[in-house]
Protein backbone atom coordinates (compact mmCIF):
# COMPACT_ATOMS: atom_id res chain seq x y z
CA MET A 1 8.68 -41.42 -53.84
CA ASN A 2 12.36 -41.03 -53.16
CA ASN A 3 12.39 -37.23 -53.47
CA GLU A 4 12.64 -35.29 -50.35
CA GLU A 5 9.32 -33.93 -49.23
CA THR A 6 8.28 -31.06 -46.95
CA ILE A 7 5.36 -31.14 -44.38
CA ILE A 8 3.68 -27.65 -44.31
CA ASN A 9 1.03 -25.91 -42.15
CA LYS A 10 1.25 -28.40 -39.24
CA GLN A 11 1.98 -28.47 -35.56
CA ILE A 12 4.46 -31.23 -34.77
CA ASP A 13 4.72 -31.81 -31.09
CA ILE A 14 7.17 -33.77 -29.05
CA ASP A 15 4.78 -36.69 -28.59
CA THR A 16 4.63 -37.16 -32.48
CA ILE A 17 8.40 -37.11 -32.75
CA ILE A 18 8.61 -39.77 -29.93
CA GLU A 19 5.84 -41.91 -31.59
CA LEU A 20 7.78 -41.71 -34.81
CA ALA A 21 11.15 -42.83 -32.91
CA LYS A 22 9.12 -45.67 -31.48
CA HIS A 23 7.97 -46.68 -35.00
CA LEU A 24 11.59 -46.70 -36.39
CA GLU A 25 12.76 -48.89 -33.45
CA SER A 26 9.93 -51.32 -33.94
CA GLN A 27 10.81 -51.39 -37.64
CA LYS A 28 14.55 -52.28 -36.51
CA GLU A 29 13.46 -54.94 -34.18
CA GLU A 30 11.13 -56.53 -36.87
CA TYR A 31 13.84 -56.77 -39.29
CA ILE A 32 16.21 -58.27 -36.68
CA ARG A 33 13.53 -60.80 -35.91
CA LEU A 34 13.30 -61.84 -39.48
CA ILE A 35 17.15 -61.84 -40.15
CA ASN A 36 17.53 -64.07 -36.95
CA MET A 37 14.84 -66.51 -38.19
CA ASP A 38 16.58 -66.59 -41.62
CA GLU A 39 19.91 -67.44 -40.03
CA ALA A 40 18.51 -70.10 -37.83
CA LYS A 41 16.68 -71.68 -40.87
CA ASN A 42 19.97 -71.89 -42.74
CA ARG A 43 22.26 -72.88 -39.91
CA GLY A 44 24.23 -76.03 -40.61
CA LYS A 45 23.46 -76.03 -44.35
CA ALA A 46 26.18 -75.81 -47.00
CA PHE A 47 26.47 -72.34 -48.41
CA ASN A 48 25.20 -73.56 -51.84
CA GLU A 49 22.21 -75.10 -50.14
CA GLN A 50 21.16 -71.94 -48.24
CA VAL A 51 17.94 -70.26 -49.26
CA TYR A 52 17.32 -66.95 -47.47
CA GLN A 53 15.20 -63.83 -47.77
CA TYR A 54 17.09 -61.67 -45.13
CA LYS A 55 20.80 -62.26 -45.53
CA CYS A 56 22.15 -59.30 -43.69
CA TYR A 57 25.97 -58.34 -43.35
CA SER A 58 25.25 -55.51 -40.96
CA GLU A 59 22.38 -55.05 -38.49
CA PRO A 60 19.47 -52.61 -39.27
CA GLU A 61 20.05 -49.43 -37.41
CA VAL A 62 18.24 -46.44 -36.27
CA LYS A 63 20.34 -43.15 -35.63
CA TYR A 64 19.55 -40.04 -33.97
CA GLU A 65 21.19 -36.63 -34.45
CA ILE A 66 20.31 -33.64 -32.24
CA THR A 67 21.66 -30.06 -32.87
CA PHE A 68 21.35 -28.06 -29.62
CA SER A 69 20.80 -24.34 -29.27
CA ASP A 70 24.59 -23.81 -28.79
CA ASN A 71 24.92 -25.41 -32.31
CA LYS A 72 26.64 -28.56 -30.87
CA THR A 73 25.63 -31.66 -32.67
CA VAL A 74 25.52 -35.12 -31.01
CA LYS A 75 24.81 -38.46 -33.00
CA GLN A 76 23.56 -41.48 -31.16
CA SER A 77 21.93 -44.89 -31.87
CA ASN A 78 20.36 -45.00 -28.30
CA TYR A 79 16.67 -44.52 -28.02
CA ASN A 80 16.74 -43.73 -24.35
CA TRP A 81 19.33 -40.93 -24.75
CA PHE A 82 17.18 -39.47 -27.52
CA ILE A 83 14.05 -39.54 -25.49
CA GLN A 84 15.99 -37.93 -22.56
CA ASN A 85 17.15 -35.07 -24.64
CA LEU A 86 13.72 -34.29 -25.71
CA ASN A 87 12.74 -33.42 -22.15
CA LYS A 88 14.21 -29.91 -22.66
CA PRO A 89 12.81 -29.02 -26.10
CA ASP A 90 13.73 -25.31 -25.75
CA GLN A 91 17.35 -26.44 -25.99
CA VAL A 92 16.90 -28.41 -29.27
CA LYS A 93 17.54 -26.47 -32.48
CA LYS A 94 17.26 -29.42 -34.99
CA ILE A 95 16.52 -33.17 -35.00
CA ASN A 96 17.48 -35.79 -37.44
CA MET A 97 16.24 -39.38 -37.48
CA PHE A 98 17.49 -42.24 -39.71
CA PHE A 99 16.56 -45.87 -40.34
CA TYR A 100 18.61 -47.93 -42.56
CA VAL A 101 18.44 -51.70 -43.52
CA SER A 102 20.18 -53.63 -46.45
CA TYR A 103 19.89 -57.32 -47.16
CA PHE A 104 19.96 -60.00 -49.82
CA ASP A 105 17.21 -62.41 -51.01
CA ASN A 106 17.68 -65.56 -53.03
CA SER A 107 14.31 -67.08 -52.31
CA ILE A 108 13.20 -66.76 -56.04
CA ASN A 109 16.51 -67.80 -57.56
CA LYS A 110 18.89 -69.62 -55.41
CA ASP A 111 21.82 -68.82 -57.70
CA ASN A 112 20.95 -65.13 -57.99
CA SER A 113 20.83 -63.00 -54.75
CA ILE A 114 18.86 -59.74 -55.08
CA GLN A 115 20.00 -56.92 -52.79
CA LYS A 116 17.07 -54.97 -51.07
CA ARG A 117 17.45 -51.84 -49.23
CA LEU A 118 15.28 -49.32 -47.28
CA ASN A 119 16.26 -45.93 -46.19
CA GLU A 120 14.26 -43.44 -44.21
CA SER A 121 15.26 -40.16 -43.04
CA ILE A 122 13.28 -37.34 -41.15
CA SER A 123 14.58 -33.88 -40.31
CA PHE A 124 12.77 -31.55 -38.01
CA TYR A 125 13.80 -27.88 -37.87
CA GLU A 126 11.82 -25.29 -35.92
CA ASP A 127 9.75 -24.24 -38.96
CA ARG A 128 10.40 -27.18 -41.35
CA VAL A 129 9.93 -30.81 -41.59
CA TYR A 130 11.73 -32.86 -44.43
CA LEU A 131 10.93 -36.56 -45.12
CA ARG A 132 12.71 -39.02 -47.48
CA VAL A 133 11.67 -42.56 -47.82
CA GLU A 134 13.66 -44.66 -50.55
CA GLY A 135 14.41 -48.11 -51.29
CA LEU A 136 15.77 -50.84 -53.77
CA GLU A 137 13.48 -53.70 -54.73
CA LEU A 138 11.15 -52.81 -51.96
CA GLU A 139 8.51 -50.57 -53.70
CA ASP A 140 5.68 -51.99 -51.47
CA GLU A 141 7.71 -51.44 -48.26
CA VAL A 142 8.51 -47.89 -49.34
CA TYR A 143 4.88 -47.14 -49.96
CA LYS A 144 3.71 -48.59 -46.73
CA GLN A 145 6.41 -46.78 -44.51
CA HIS A 146 5.94 -43.50 -46.46
CA SER A 147 2.24 -43.59 -46.08
CA TYR A 148 2.55 -44.28 -42.30
CA ILE A 149 5.03 -41.58 -41.70
CA ILE A 150 3.23 -38.94 -43.75
CA GLY A 151 0.03 -39.88 -41.89
CA LEU A 152 1.58 -39.49 -38.52
CA LEU A 153 3.18 -36.15 -39.37
CA GLU A 154 -0.05 -34.59 -40.89
CA ARG A 155 -2.47 -35.78 -38.22
CA GLY A 156 -1.56 -32.87 -36.06
CA ASN A 157 -3.42 -29.71 -35.91
CA ASP A 158 -3.05 -27.12 -38.57
CA LYS A 159 -0.56 -24.38 -37.77
CA TYR A 160 -2.88 -21.67 -39.08
CA ASP A 161 -5.69 -22.65 -36.78
CA LYS A 162 -8.54 -20.79 -35.12
CA THR A 163 -6.19 -19.50 -32.45
CA ILE A 164 -4.36 -17.59 -35.03
CA LYS A 165 -7.13 -16.77 -37.47
CA ASN A 166 -9.37 -15.39 -34.86
CA ARG A 167 -6.81 -13.96 -32.63
CA ASN A 168 -8.32 -10.54 -32.49
CA LEU A 169 -11.52 -11.99 -31.07
CA ARG A 170 -9.57 -13.84 -28.37
CA ILE A 171 -7.41 -10.79 -27.47
CA GLN A 172 -10.22 -8.42 -27.17
CA SER A 173 -12.21 -10.94 -25.22
CA PHE A 174 -9.46 -11.16 -22.60
CA CYS A 175 -8.93 -7.52 -22.66
CA LEU A 176 -12.57 -6.61 -22.23
CA SER A 177 -12.84 -9.14 -19.27
CA ILE A 178 -9.92 -7.48 -17.47
CA GLY A 179 -11.49 -4.06 -18.29
CA ILE A 180 -14.86 -5.05 -17.01
CA ILE A 181 -13.34 -6.05 -13.71
CA LEU A 182 -11.41 -2.83 -13.52
CA SER A 183 -14.51 -0.86 -14.56
CA TYR A 184 -16.45 -2.06 -11.52
CA ILE A 185 -13.48 -1.02 -9.27
CA VAL A 186 -13.63 2.47 -10.91
CA TYR A 187 -17.36 2.58 -10.32
CA LEU A 188 -17.02 1.58 -6.74
CA VAL A 189 -14.27 4.24 -6.15
CA LEU A 190 -16.38 6.91 -7.85
CA SER A 191 -19.54 6.05 -6.01
CA VAL A 192 -17.57 6.31 -2.71
CA THR A 193 -16.14 9.56 -3.57
CA LYS A 194 -19.13 10.93 -5.31
CA SER A 195 -19.54 13.93 -3.12
CA ASN A 196 -16.15 15.22 -3.90
CA LEU A 197 -16.37 14.62 -7.73
CA PRO A 198 -16.99 17.45 -10.28
CA GLU A 199 -20.63 17.99 -11.25
CA LEU A 200 -20.16 16.42 -14.82
CA PHE A 201 -19.14 13.03 -13.16
CA VAL A 202 -22.07 13.29 -10.76
CA GLN A 203 -24.55 13.61 -13.64
CA LEU A 204 -22.93 10.71 -15.35
CA LEU A 205 -23.40 8.53 -12.38
CA ASN A 206 -26.92 9.40 -12.08
CA ASN A 207 -27.57 8.74 -15.78
CA LYS A 208 -28.09 5.14 -16.99
CA TYR A 209 -26.53 5.94 -20.29
CA GLY A 210 -23.60 7.39 -18.60
CA ILE A 211 -23.20 4.32 -16.39
CA ILE A 212 -23.72 1.80 -19.11
CA ILE A 213 -21.71 3.43 -21.97
CA GLY A 214 -19.20 4.75 -19.57
CA GLN A 215 -18.53 1.26 -18.16
CA TRP A 216 -17.89 -0.21 -21.61
CA ILE A 217 -15.52 2.73 -22.65
CA ILE A 218 -13.49 2.33 -19.38
CA ALA A 219 -13.51 -1.44 -19.86
CA ILE A 220 -12.11 -1.03 -23.52
CA ILE A 221 -9.44 1.45 -22.49
CA LEU A 222 -8.17 -0.05 -19.32
CA GLY A 223 -8.58 -3.80 -20.67
CA ASN A 224 -6.32 -2.96 -23.57
CA ILE A 225 -3.71 -1.09 -21.43
CA PHE A 226 -3.33 -3.92 -19.02
CA GLY A 227 -4.54 -7.17 -20.90
CA TYR A 228 -3.09 -6.60 -24.47
CA GLY A 229 0.60 -7.10 -23.32
CA ILE A 230 -0.33 -10.23 -21.48
CA MET A 231 -1.90 -11.86 -24.50
CA MET A 232 1.05 -10.77 -26.72
CA ILE A 233 3.41 -12.67 -24.41
CA LEU A 234 1.25 -15.73 -25.21
CA TYR A 235 1.20 -15.10 -28.85
CA ARG A 236 4.89 -14.48 -29.18
CA ASN A 237 6.59 -16.43 -31.87
CA ILE A 238 3.35 -17.91 -33.29
CA LEU A 239 1.95 -15.14 -35.17
CA PRO A 240 2.39 -14.78 -38.92
CA ARG A 241 4.82 -12.20 -40.21
CA ARG A 242 3.44 -8.93 -41.47
CA LYS A 243 4.03 -7.88 -45.07
CA TYR A 244 3.39 -4.42 -46.80
CA SER A 245 0.04 -4.40 -48.62
CA TYR A 246 -0.70 -0.85 -49.83
CA TYR A 247 -0.19 2.88 -48.80
CA SER A 248 -3.34 4.42 -47.43
CA ARG A 249 -3.73 8.00 -48.62
CA SER A 250 -6.57 8.73 -46.18
CA SER A 251 -4.39 7.72 -43.09
CA HIS A 252 -1.11 8.62 -44.79
CA LYS A 253 0.28 5.28 -43.55
CA SER A 254 1.55 2.14 -45.03
CA VAL A 255 -0.79 -0.92 -44.43
CA TYR A 256 0.55 -4.25 -43.43
CA VAL A 257 -1.23 -7.60 -43.39
CA ASP A 258 -0.49 -11.04 -42.36
CA ASP A 259 1.72 -13.04 -44.80
CA VAL A 260 -0.64 -16.02 -44.72
CA ASP A 261 0.93 -17.96 -47.59
CA ASP A 262 4.32 -17.84 -45.97
CA TYR A 263 2.98 -18.86 -42.54
CA LYS A 264 0.87 -21.86 -43.98
CA GLY A 265 3.99 -22.89 -46.10
CA LYS A 266 6.01 -23.74 -42.90
CA CYS A 267 5.57 -25.90 -39.93
CA GLU A 268 5.67 -25.37 -36.16
CA VAL A 269 7.82 -27.97 -34.55
CA HIS A 270 7.73 -27.65 -30.81
CA ILE A 271 11.48 -27.27 -30.23
CA GLY A 272 13.66 -24.34 -29.90
CA MET A 273 11.69 -20.98 -30.23
CA TYR A 274 8.40 -22.94 -30.45
CA ALA A 275 9.00 -25.03 -27.42
CA ASP A 276 6.24 -23.58 -25.56
CA ALA A 277 3.93 -22.96 -28.48
CA LYS A 278 1.49 -25.86 -27.71
CA LYS A 279 1.26 -24.94 -24.16
CA ASN A 280 0.58 -21.27 -24.92
CA ARG A 281 -2.04 -22.11 -27.52
CA ASN A 282 -3.83 -24.27 -25.01
CA ILE A 283 -3.67 -21.39 -22.46
CA ILE A 284 -5.11 -18.90 -25.03
CA GLU A 285 -7.96 -21.24 -25.81
CA LYS A 286 -8.86 -21.84 -22.06
CA ILE A 287 -8.70 -18.04 -21.42
CA TYR A 288 -11.01 -17.55 -24.29
CA LYS A 289 -13.57 -20.12 -23.14
CA ILE A 290 -13.80 -18.25 -19.73
CA THR A 291 -13.44 -14.58 -21.01
CA ARG A 292 -16.12 -14.86 -23.54
CA ILE A 293 -18.57 -15.95 -20.96
CA VAL A 294 -17.48 -13.00 -18.86
CA VAL A 295 -18.28 -10.64 -21.84
CA LEU A 296 -21.51 -12.12 -22.52
CA LEU A 297 -22.59 -11.83 -18.86
CA GLN A 298 -21.71 -8.19 -18.89
CA LEU A 299 -23.64 -7.65 -22.01
CA GLY A 300 -26.63 -9.32 -20.22
CA ILE A 301 -26.14 -7.11 -17.21
CA SER A 302 -25.95 -3.93 -19.40
CA LEU A 303 -29.08 -4.92 -21.09
CA ILE A 304 -30.88 -5.48 -17.75
CA LEU A 305 -29.53 -2.09 -16.59
CA PHE A 306 -30.76 -0.36 -19.64
CA LEU A 307 -34.36 -1.68 -18.96
CA VAL A 308 -34.44 -1.26 -15.26
CA LEU A 309 -32.65 2.16 -14.75
CA LYS A 310 -34.42 5.32 -15.37
């Protein structure tokens, strides 16, 4: 349990980091309460008559360390300072959080004090999360805190989720929707200028196959020209890296595929380069919910036109 662990394939948002900080602060306050109760219980007693469970020579503490995008590192024990600096996650490169408490317990044998210690550290990088929980004579507490922190960090969405796995569907749904709108504009322009068009275009406009198939061809071409770049802006930084797979003799090109194992072996902490990742993922999914309806409606319209037009 005292080995450093790595969290993988998870999205870690700012709310999760704040919740973890609140947990460490509540731990500190609870130990301070127990220590103060112990002191009050033994106040006025001779030293050799004191029985204590939480005799502490230095207060429990939570420390925060932030490395900013300019590589400046600042350490503080102030929770409010820490939260304030999370308001601009794009300027944060790394976060370290530490909790430490050490005390003595002679409640079992008054003449033999046992030192007990609990140490927790969590490090957040842009694509990695490291956790260490270790202790001395506190096995149950170590297990409890380790389980809680692991549960908190792993409750987030998978990094390799439907937004990434099914990105081509989402990209093409958006591109087709843009293209469908543009295709109606093209059709309107062609209809208005029909008398000035070459005979081939006039024949296509009078033919249901030309109208239906032509619209989809125009939608695909224009949609990808104007829509693909927009989606790539939203997908920037969150896509898997590409790795060489094989050489295609038929196309005379090297074929590259997603390096899924590498992608799933890392996290996506919403700081630094991933500061907008959660927002962009949400935008992508909202766009997909709308654009897939547009595409389905157009399919329905195309089917009706195929049955109605002669």
